[in-house]
Amino acid sequence: MKELADHVGKTPPYLITCFSQAFGCPPLQFMHKLRLAKAEELLLSTERSIEEISLELGYCDSTYFYSVFRKHHGTGPLAFRLQV
């Protein structure tokens, strides 16, 4: 955010506020929403492992991906794949 804010000549808090007003949530939460939507798609349409999907989506740690996914869906990625 600092780099982007410097590029547009604004402060990071101001940029986060503008982003939140435009998209309804802060940038990090927005990024997680996009990643999780793609994760859902990949879990349902491919046989890739959870680890492969997490790496493809930019999560360097698959444990963190599990945590974020579980927080959003109330279940882990494997259970999500098997339920649907």
PDB file of N, CA and C in Angstrom:
ATOM      1  N   MET A   1       0.827  -1.191   0.000  1.00  0.00           N
ATOM      2  CA  MET A   1       0.000   0.000   0.000  1.00  0.00           C
ATOM      3  C   MET A   1       0.870   1.252   0.000  1.00  0.00           C
ATOM      4  N   LYS A   2       1.986   1.192   0.728  1.00  0.00           N
ATOM      5  CA  LYS A   2       2.862   2.362   0.801  1.00  0.00           C
ATOM      6  C   LYS A   2       3.365   2.728  -0.593  1.00  0.00           C
ATOM      7  N   GLU A   3       3.800   1.725  -1.327  1.00  0.00           N
ATOM      8  CA  GLU A   3       4.322   1.977  -2.670  1.00  0.00           C
ATOM      9  C   GLU A   3       3.246   2.570  -3.587  1.00  0.00           C
ATOM     10  N   LEU A   4       2.067   2.025  -3.537  1.00  0.00           N
ATOM     11  CA  LEU A   4       0.963   2.543  -4.345  1.00  0.00           C
ATOM     12  C   LEU A   4       0.584   3.951  -3.913  1.00  0.00           C
ATOM     13  N   ALA A   5       0.513   4.169  -2.606  1.00  0.00           N
ATOM     14  CA  ALA A   5       0.179   5.492  -2.084  1.00  0.00           C
ATOM     15  C   ALA A   5       1.214   6.523  -2.521  1.00  0.00           C
ATOM     16  N   ASP A   6       2.486   6.156  -2.459  1.00  0.00           N
ATOM     17  CA  ASP A   6       3.551   7.062  -2.921  1.00  0.00           C
ATOM     18  C   ASP A   6       3.388   7.375  -4.403  1.00  0.00           C
ATOM     19  N   HIS A   7       3.021   6.357  -5.164  1.00  0.00           N
ATOM     20  CA  HIS A   7       2.863   6.526  -6.607  1.00  0.00           C
ATOM     21  C   HIS A   7       1.758   7.532  -6.955  1.00  0.00           C
ATOM     22  N   VAL A   8       0.674   7.520  -6.192  1.00  0.00           N
ATOM     23  CA  VAL A   8      -0.441   8.424  -6.481  1.00  0.00           C
ATOM     24  C   VAL A   8      -0.403   9.690  -5.632  1.00  0.00           C
ATOM     25  N   GLY A   9       0.619   9.809  -4.787  1.00  0.00           N
ATOM     26  CA  GLY A   9       0.780  11.020  -3.996  1.00  0.00           C
ATOM     27  C   GLY A   9      -0.194  11.156  -2.838  1.00  0.00           C
ATOM     28  N   LYS A  10      -0.611  10.046  -2.267  1.00  0.00           N
ATOM     29  CA  LYS A  10      -1.531  10.050  -1.128  1.00  0.00           C
ATOM     30  C   LYS A  10      -0.920   9.222  -0.001  1.00  0.00           C
ATOM     31  N   THR A  11      -1.525   9.283   1.179  1.00  0.00           N
ATOM     32  CA  THR A  11      -1.047   8.472   2.291  1.00  0.00           C
ATOM     33  C   THR A  11      -1.730   7.104   2.250  1.00  0.00           C
ATOM     34  N   PRO A  12      -1.088   6.064   2.800  1.00  0.00           N
ATOM     35  CA  PRO A  12      -1.730   4.741   2.814  1.00  0.00           C
ATOM     36  C   PRO A  12      -3.099   4.741   3.492  1.00  0.00           C
ATOM     37  N   PRO A  13      -3.270   5.386   4.660  1.00  0.00           N
ATOM     38  CA  PRO A  13      -4.616   5.376   5.259  1.00  0.00           C
ATOM     39  C   PRO A  13      -5.681   6.015   4.358  1.00  0.00           C
ATOM     40  N   TYR A  14      -5.328   7.083   3.684  1.00  0.00           N
ATOM     41  CA  TYR A  14      -6.275   7.743   2.773  1.00  0.00           C
ATOM     42  C   TYR A  14      -6.630   6.806   1.616  1.00  0.00           C
ATOM     43  N   LEU A  15      -5.614   6.148   1.075  1.00  0.00           N
ATOM     44  CA  LEU A  15      -5.832   5.233  -0.036  1.00  0.00           C
ATOM     45  C   LEU A  15      -6.719   4.058   0.395  1.00  0.00           C
ATOM     46  N   ILE A  16      -6.476   3.526   1.587  1.00  0.00           N
ATOM     47  CA  ILE A  16      -7.295   2.425   2.107  1.00  0.00           C
ATOM     48  C   ILE A  16      -8.739   2.882   2.301  1.00  0.00           C
ATOM     49  N   THR A  17      -8.928   4.099   2.804  1.00  0.00           N
ATOM     50  CA  THR A  17     -10.275   4.644   2.988  1.00  0.00           C
ATOM     51  C   THR A  17     -10.992   4.776   1.648  1.00  0.00           C
ATOM     52  N   CYS A  18     -10.309   5.317   0.656  1.00  0.00           N
ATOM     53  CA  CYS A  18     -10.915   5.464  -0.679  1.00  0.00           C
ATOM     54  C   CYS A  18     -11.260   4.105  -1.274  1.00  0.00           C
ATOM     55  N   PHE A  19     -10.352   3.151  -1.138  1.00  0.00           N
ATOM     56  CA  PHE A  19     -10.591   1.804  -1.654  1.00  0.00           C
ATOM     57  C   PHE A  19     -11.806   1.186  -0.972  1.00  0.00           C
ATOM     58  N   SER A  20     -11.854   1.317   0.355  1.00  0.00           N
ATOM     59  CA  SER A  20     -12.957   0.745   1.128  1.00  0.00           C
ATOM     60  C   SER A  20     -14.293   1.350   0.735  1.00  0.00           C
ATOM     61  N   GLN A  21     -14.314   2.646   0.488  1.00  0.00           N
ATOM     62  CA  GLN A  21     -15.547   3.304   0.063  1.00  0.00           C
ATOM     63  C   GLN A  21     -15.973   2.827  -1.323  1.00  0.00           C
ATOM     64  N   ALA A  22     -15.008   2.610  -2.196  1.00  0.00           N
ATOM     65  CA  ALA A  22     -15.323   2.199  -3.565  1.00  0.00           C
ATOM     66  C   ALA A  22     -15.738   0.730  -3.651  1.00  0.00           C
ATOM     67  N   PHE A  23     -15.100  -0.132  -2.851  1.00  0.00           N
ATOM     68  CA  PHE A  23     -15.329  -1.569  -2.982  1.00  0.00           C
ATOM     69  C   PHE A  23     -16.015  -2.213  -1.781  1.00  0.00           C
ATOM     70  N   GLY A  24     -16.278  -1.440  -0.747  1.00  0.00           N
ATOM     71  CA  GLY A  24     -17.019  -1.953   0.391  1.00  0.00           C
ATOM     72  C   GLY A  24     -16.210  -2.720   1.421  1.00  0.00           C
ATOM     73  N   CYS A  25     -14.904  -2.797   1.223  1.00  0.00           N
ATOM     74  CA  CYS A  25     -14.031  -3.470   2.187  1.00  0.00           C
ATOM     75  C   CYS A  25     -12.595  -3.032   1.944  1.00  0.00           C
ATOM     76  N   PRO A  26     -11.729  -3.219   2.925  1.00  0.00           N
ATOM     77  CA  PRO A  26     -10.324  -2.835   2.749  1.00  0.00           C
ATOM     78  C   PRO A  26      -9.628  -3.707   1.705  1.00  0.00           C
ATOM     79  N   PRO A  27      -8.510  -3.249   1.174  1.00  0.00           N
ATOM     80  CA  PRO A  27      -7.820  -3.979   0.102  1.00  0.00           C
ATOM     81  C   PRO A  27      -7.470  -5.423   0.448  1.00  0.00           C
ATOM     82  N   LEU A  28      -6.977  -5.688   1.648  1.00  0.00           N
ATOM     83  CA  LEU A  28      -6.597  -7.052   2.006  1.00  0.00           C
ATOM     84  C   LEU A  28      -7.806  -7.978   2.020  1.00  0.00           C
ATOM     85  N   GLN A  29      -8.901  -7.516   2.562  1.00  0.00           N
ATOM     86  CA  GLN A  29     -10.126  -8.318   2.584  1.00  0.00           C
ATOM     87  C   GLN A  29     -10.628  -8.549   1.156  1.00  0.00           C
ATOM     88  N   PHE A  30     -10.539  -7.523   0.317  1.00  0.00           N
ATOM     89  CA  PHE A  30     -10.953  -7.649  -1.080  1.00  0.00           C
ATOM     90  C   PHE A  30     -10.103  -8.707  -1.787  1.00  0.00           C
ATOM     91  N   MET A  31      -8.782  -8.687  -1.537  1.00  0.00           N
ATOM     92  CA  MET A  31      -7.883  -9.662  -2.146  1.00  0.00           C
ATOM     93  C   MET A  31      -8.262 -11.077  -1.708  1.00  0.00           C
ATOM     94  N   HIS A  32      -8.557 -11.255  -0.416  1.00  0.00           N
ATOM     95  CA  HIS A  32      -8.955 -12.571   0.060  1.00  0.00           C
ATOM     96  C   HIS A  32     -10.256 -13.023  -0.600  1.00  0.00           C
ATOM     97  N   LYS A  33     -11.203 -12.124  -0.780  1.00  0.00           N
ATOM     98  CA  LYS A  33     -12.463 -12.481  -1.442  1.00  0.00           C
ATOM     99  C   LYS A  33     -12.210 -12.982  -2.860  1.00  0.00           C
ATOM    100  N   LEU A  34     -11.342 -12.277  -3.599  1.00  0.00           N
ATOM    101  CA  LEU A  34     -11.024 -12.698  -4.963  1.00  0.00           C
ATOM    102  C   LEU A  34     -10.342 -14.057  -4.972  1.00  0.00           C
ATOM    103  N   ARG A  35      -9.373 -14.221  -4.089  1.00  0.00           N
ATOM    104  CA  ARG A  35      -8.654 -15.495  -4.014  1.00  0.00           C
ATOM    105  C   ARG A  35      -9.586 -16.635  -3.628  1.00  0.00           C
ATOM    106  N   LEU A  36     -10.473 -16.399  -2.679  1.00  0.00           N
ATOM    107  CA  LEU A  36     -11.375 -17.460  -2.237  1.00  0.00           C
ATOM    108  C   LEU A  36     -12.397 -17.825  -3.318  1.00  0.00           C
ATOM    109  N   ALA A  37     -12.833 -16.853  -4.082  1.00  0.00           N
ATOM    110  CA  ALA A  37     -13.748 -17.148  -5.199  1.00  0.00           C
ATOM    111  C   ALA A  37     -13.050 -18.047  -6.212  1.00  0.00           C
ATOM    112  N   LYS A  38     -11.794 -17.749  -6.505  1.00  0.00           N
ATOM    113  CA  LYS A  38     -11.016 -18.577  -7.435  1.00  0.00           C
ATOM    114  C   LYS A  38     -10.756 -19.950  -6.818  1.00  0.00           C
ATOM    115  N   ALA A  39     -10.505 -19.998  -5.514  1.00  0.00           N
ATOM    116  CA  ALA A  39     -10.283 -21.277  -4.831  1.00  0.00           C
ATOM    117  C   ALA A  39     -11.512 -22.168  -4.961  1.00  0.00           C
ATOM    118  N   GLU A  40     -12.695 -21.590  -4.745  1.00  0.00           N
ATOM    119  CA  GLU A  40     -13.936 -22.355  -4.885  1.00  0.00           C
ATOM    120  C   GLU A  40     -14.033 -22.948  -6.282  1.00  0.00           C
ATOM    121  N   GLU A  41     -13.769 -22.119  -7.271  1.00  0.00           N
ATOM    122  CA  GLU A  41     -13.831 -22.571  -8.665  1.00  0.00           C
ATOM    123  C   GLU A  41     -12.855 -23.725  -8.911  1.00  0.00           C
ATOM    124  N   LEU A  42     -11.613 -23.575  -8.456  1.00  0.00           N
ATOM    125  CA  LEU A  42     -10.605 -24.607  -8.676  1.00  0.00           C
ATOM    126  C   LEU A  42     -10.905 -25.884  -7.892  1.00  0.00           C
ATOM    127  N   LEU A  43     -11.417 -25.737  -6.690  1.00  0.00           N
ATOM    128  CA  LEU A  43     -11.752 -26.918  -5.893  1.00  0.00           C
ATOM    129  C   LEU A  43     -12.851 -27.743  -6.552  1.00  0.00           C
ATOM    130  N   LEU A  44     -13.785 -27.062  -7.192  1.00  0.00           N
ATOM    131  CA  LEU A  44     -14.923 -27.756  -7.792  1.00  0.00           C
ATOM    132  C   LEU A  44     -14.674 -28.224  -9.218  1.00  0.00           C
ATOM    133  N   SER A  45     -13.745 -27.592  -9.914  1.00  0.00           N
ATOM    134  CA  SER A  45     -13.570 -27.906 -11.336  1.00  0.00           C
ATOM    135  C   SER A  45     -12.268 -28.634 -11.652  1.00  0.00           C
ATOM    136  N   THR A  46     -11.394 -28.832 -10.661  1.00  0.00           N
ATOM    137  CA  THR A  46     -10.137 -29.526 -10.921  1.00  0.00           C
ATOM    138  C   THR A  46      -9.892 -30.568  -9.843  1.00  0.00           C
ATOM    139  N   GLU A  47      -8.917 -31.399 -10.086  1.00  0.00           N
ATOM    140  CA  GLU A  47      -8.489 -32.396  -9.104  1.00  0.00           C
ATOM    141  C   GLU A  47      -7.181 -31.975  -8.449  1.00  0.00           C
ATOM    142  N   ARG A  48      -6.785 -30.716  -8.625  1.00  0.00           N
ATOM    143  CA  ARG A  48      -5.540 -30.242  -8.033  1.00  0.00           C
ATOM    144  C   ARG A  48      -5.593 -30.379  -6.521  1.00  0.00           C
ATOM    145  N   SER A  49      -4.412 -30.562  -5.943  1.00  0.00           N
ATOM    146  CA  SER A  49      -4.348 -30.660  -4.488  1.00  0.00           C
ATOM    147  C   SER A  49      -4.605 -29.286  -3.865  1.00  0.00           C
ATOM    148  N   ILE A  50      -4.971 -29.306  -2.603  1.00  0.00           N
ATOM    149  CA  ILE A  50      -5.216 -28.061  -1.870  1.00  0.00           C
ATOM    150  C   ILE A  50      -3.936 -27.231  -1.849  1.00  0.00           C
ATOM    151  N   GLU A  51      -2.806 -27.895  -1.672  1.00  0.00           N
ATOM    152  CA  GLU A  51      -1.525 -27.192  -1.634  1.00  0.00           C
ATOM    153  C   GLU A  51      -1.225 -26.498  -2.962  1.00  0.00           C
ATOM    154  N   GLU A  52      -1.492 -27.192  -4.069  1.00  0.00           N
ATOM    155  CA  GLU A  52      -1.273 -26.593  -5.390  1.00  0.00           C
ATOM    156  C   GLU A  52      -2.169 -25.366  -5.584  1.00  0.00           C
ATOM    157  N   ILE A  53      -3.401 -25.498  -5.190  1.00  0.00           N
ATOM    158  CA  ILE A  53      -4.345 -24.382  -5.329  1.00  0.00           C
ATOM    159  C   ILE A  53      -3.903 -23.207  -4.472  1.00  0.00           C
ATOM    160  N   SER A  54      -3.512 -23.478  -3.242  1.00  0.00           N
ATOM    161  CA  SER A  54      -3.097 -22.378  -2.358  1.00  0.00           C
ATOM    162  C   SER A  54      -1.887 -21.653  -2.924  1.00  0.00           C
ATOM    163  N   LEU A  55      -0.923 -22.393  -3.469  1.00  0.00           N
ATOM    164  CA  LEU A  55       0.259 -21.751  -4.062  1.00  0.00           C
ATOM    165  C   LEU A  55      -0.115 -20.945  -5.299  1.00  0.00           C
ATOM    166  N   GLU A  56      -0.986 -21.500  -6.135  1.00  0.00           N
ATOM    167  CA  GLU A  56      -1.416 -20.786  -7.345  1.00  0.00           C
ATOM    168  C   GLU A  56      -2.096 -19.463  -7.007  1.00  0.00           C
ATOM    169  N   LEU A  57      -2.809 -19.439  -5.892  1.00  0.00           N
ATOM    170  CA  LEU A  57      -3.541 -18.246  -5.493  1.00  0.00           C
ATOM    171  C   LEU A  57      -2.686 -17.239  -4.736  1.00  0.00           C
ATOM    172  N   GLY A  58      -1.413 -17.577  -4.522  1.00  0.00           N
ATOM    173  CA  GLY A  58      -0.513 -16.626  -3.895  1.00  0.00           C
ATOM    174  C   GLY A  58      -0.326 -16.802  -2.400  1.00  0.00           C
ATOM    175  N   TYR A  59      -0.858 -17.877  -1.847  1.00  0.00           N
ATOM    176  CA  TYR A  59      -0.636 -18.169  -0.433  1.00  0.00           C
ATOM    177  C   TYR A  59       0.647 -18.984  -0.328  1.00  0.00           C
ATOM    178  N   CYS A  60       1.659 -18.434   0.293  1.00  0.00           N
ATOM    179  CA  CYS A  60       2.944 -19.118   0.426  1.00  0.00           C
ATOM    180  C   CYS A  60       2.874 -20.255   1.428  1.00  0.00           C
ATOM    181  N   ASP A  61       1.890 -20.218   2.291  1.00  0.00           N
ATOM    182  CA  ASP A  61       1.730 -21.216   3.341  1.00  0.00           C
ATOM    183  C   ASP A  61       0.332 -21.815   3.230  1.00  0.00           C
ATOM    184  N   SER A  62       0.251 -23.097   2.908  1.00  0.00           N
ATOM    185  CA  SER A  62      -1.069 -23.712   2.728  1.00  0.00           C
ATOM    186  C   SER A  62      -1.854 -23.753   4.044  1.00  0.00           C
ATOM    187  N   THR A  63      -1.162 -23.759   5.181  1.00  0.00           N
ATOM    188  CA  THR A  63      -1.848 -23.716   6.466  1.00  0.00           C
ATOM    189  C   THR A  63      -2.612 -22.411   6.629  1.00  0.00           C
ATOM    190  N   TYR A  64      -2.012 -21.321   6.174  1.00  0.00           N
ATOM    191  CA  TYR A  64      -2.691 -20.023   6.230  1.00  0.00           C
ATOM    192  C   TYR A  64      -3.897 -20.026   5.292  1.00  0.00           C
ATOM    193  N   PHE A  65      -3.739 -20.626   4.123  1.00  0.00           N
ATOM    194  CA  PHE A  65      -4.856 -20.742   3.186  1.00  0.00           C
ATOM    195  C   PHE A  65      -6.018 -21.507   3.838  1.00  0.00           C
ATOM    196  N   TYR A  66      -5.719 -22.638   4.490  1.00  0.00           N
ATOM    197  CA  TYR A  66      -6.744 -23.399   5.189  1.00  0.00           C
ATOM    198  C   TYR A  66      -7.467 -22.508   6.191  1.00  0.00           C
ATOM    199  N   SER A  67      -6.698 -21.742   6.949  1.00  0.00           N
ATOM    200  CA  SER A  67      -7.257 -20.875   7.981  1.00  0.00           C
ATOM    201  C   SER A  67      -8.198 -19.829   7.393  1.00  0.00           C
ATOM    202  N   VAL A  68      -7.750 -19.158   6.338  1.00  0.00           N
ATOM    203  CA  VAL A  68      -8.566 -18.127   5.681  1.00  0.00           C
ATOM    204  C   VAL A  68      -9.817 -18.761   5.075  1.00  0.00           C
ATOM    205  N   PHE A  69      -9.652 -19.903   4.422  1.00  0.00           N
ATOM    206  CA  PHE A  69     -10.790 -20.582   3.798  1.00  0.00           C
ATOM    207  C   PHE A  69     -11.810 -20.997   4.856  1.00  0.00           C
ATOM    208  N   ARG A  70     -11.330 -21.599   5.945  1.00  0.00           N
ATOM    209  CA  ARG A  70     -12.218 -22.057   7.012  1.00  0.00           C
ATOM    210  C   ARG A  70     -12.958 -20.888   7.652  1.00  0.00           C
ATOM    211  N   LYS A  71     -12.255 -19.776   7.845  1.00  0.00           N
ATOM    212  CA  LYS A  71     -12.882 -18.593   8.445  1.00  0.00           C
ATOM    213  C   LYS A  71     -14.022 -18.082   7.549  1.00  0.00           C
ATOM    214  N   HIS A  72     -13.820 -18.113   6.253  1.00  0.00           N
ATOM    215  CA  HIS A  72     -14.815 -17.602   5.307  1.00  0.00           C
ATOM    216  C   HIS A  72     -15.969 -18.576   5.098  1.00  0.00           C
ATOM    217  N   HIS A  73     -15.678 -19.879   5.020  1.00  0.00           N
ATOM    218  CA  HIS A  73     -16.693 -20.871   4.670  1.00  0.00           C
ATOM    219  C   HIS A  73     -17.223 -21.680   5.851  1.00  0.00           C
ATOM    220  N   GLY A  74     -16.524 -21.632   6.971  1.00  0.00           N
ATOM    221  CA  GLY A  74     -16.941 -22.434   8.111  1.00  0.00           C
ATOM    222  C   GLY A  74     -16.515 -23.886   8.001  1.00  0.00           C
ATOM    223  N   THR A  75     -15.779 -24.206   6.959  1.00  0.00           N
ATOM    224  CA  THR A  75     -15.272 -25.554   6.728  1.00  0.00           C
ATOM    225  C   THR A  75     -13.971 -25.454   5.943  1.00  0.00           C
ATOM    226  N   GLY A  76     -13.173 -26.478   5.985  1.00  0.00           N
ATOM    227  CA  GLY A  76     -11.912 -26.474   5.253  1.00  0.00           C
ATOM    228  C   GLY A  76     -12.118 -26.710   3.767  1.00  0.00           C
ATOM    229  N   PRO A  77     -11.083 -26.493   2.959  1.00  0.00           N
ATOM    230  CA  PRO A  77     -11.205 -26.662   1.509  1.00  0.00           C
ATOM    231  C   PRO A  77     -11.564 -28.091   1.074  1.00  0.00           C
ATOM    232  N   LEU A  78     -10.994 -29.083   1.736  1.00  0.00           N
ATOM    233  CA  LEU A  78     -11.293 -30.466   1.355  1.00  0.00           C
ATOM    234  C   LEU A  78     -12.752 -30.801   1.649  1.00  0.00           C
ATOM    235  N   ALA A  79     -13.222 -30.417   2.822  1.00  0.00           N
ATOM    236  CA  ALA A  79     -14.631 -30.653   3.169  1.00  0.00           C
ATOM    237  C   ALA A  79     -15.547 -29.908   2.196  1.00  0.00           C
ATOM    238  N   PHE A  80     -15.172 -28.684   1.809  1.00  0.00           N
ATOM    239  CA  PHE A  80     -15.946 -27.920   0.834  1.00  0.00           C
ATOM    240  C   PHE A  80     -16.033 -28.683  -0.477  1.00  0.00           C
ATOM    241  N   ARG A  81     -14.909 -29.216  -0.934  1.00  0.00           N
ATOM    242  CA  ARG A  81     -14.855 -29.944  -2.191  1.00  0.00           C
ATOM    243  C   ARG A  81     -15.765 -31.173  -2.119  1.00  0.00           C
ATOM    244  N   LEU A  82     -15.765 -31.859  -0.999  1.00  0.00           N
ATOM    245  CA  LEU A  82     -16.543 -33.098  -0.870  1.00  0.00           C
ATOM    246  C   LEU A  82     -18.026 -32.840  -0.658  1.00  0.00           C
ATOM    247  N   GLN A  83     -18.378 -31.710  -0.063  1.00  0.00           N
ATOM    248  CA  GLN A  83     -19.790 -31.397   0.227  1.00  0.00           C
ATOM    249  C   GLN A  83     -20.556 -31.011  -1.012  1.00  0.00           C
ATOM    250  N   VAL A  84     -19.905 -30.346  -1.925  1.00  0.00           N
ATOM    251  CA  VAL A  84     -20.615 -29.789  -3.077  1.00  0.00           C
ATOM    252  C   VAL A  84     -20.659 -30.743  -4.204  1.00  0.00           C
TER     253      VAL A  84
END
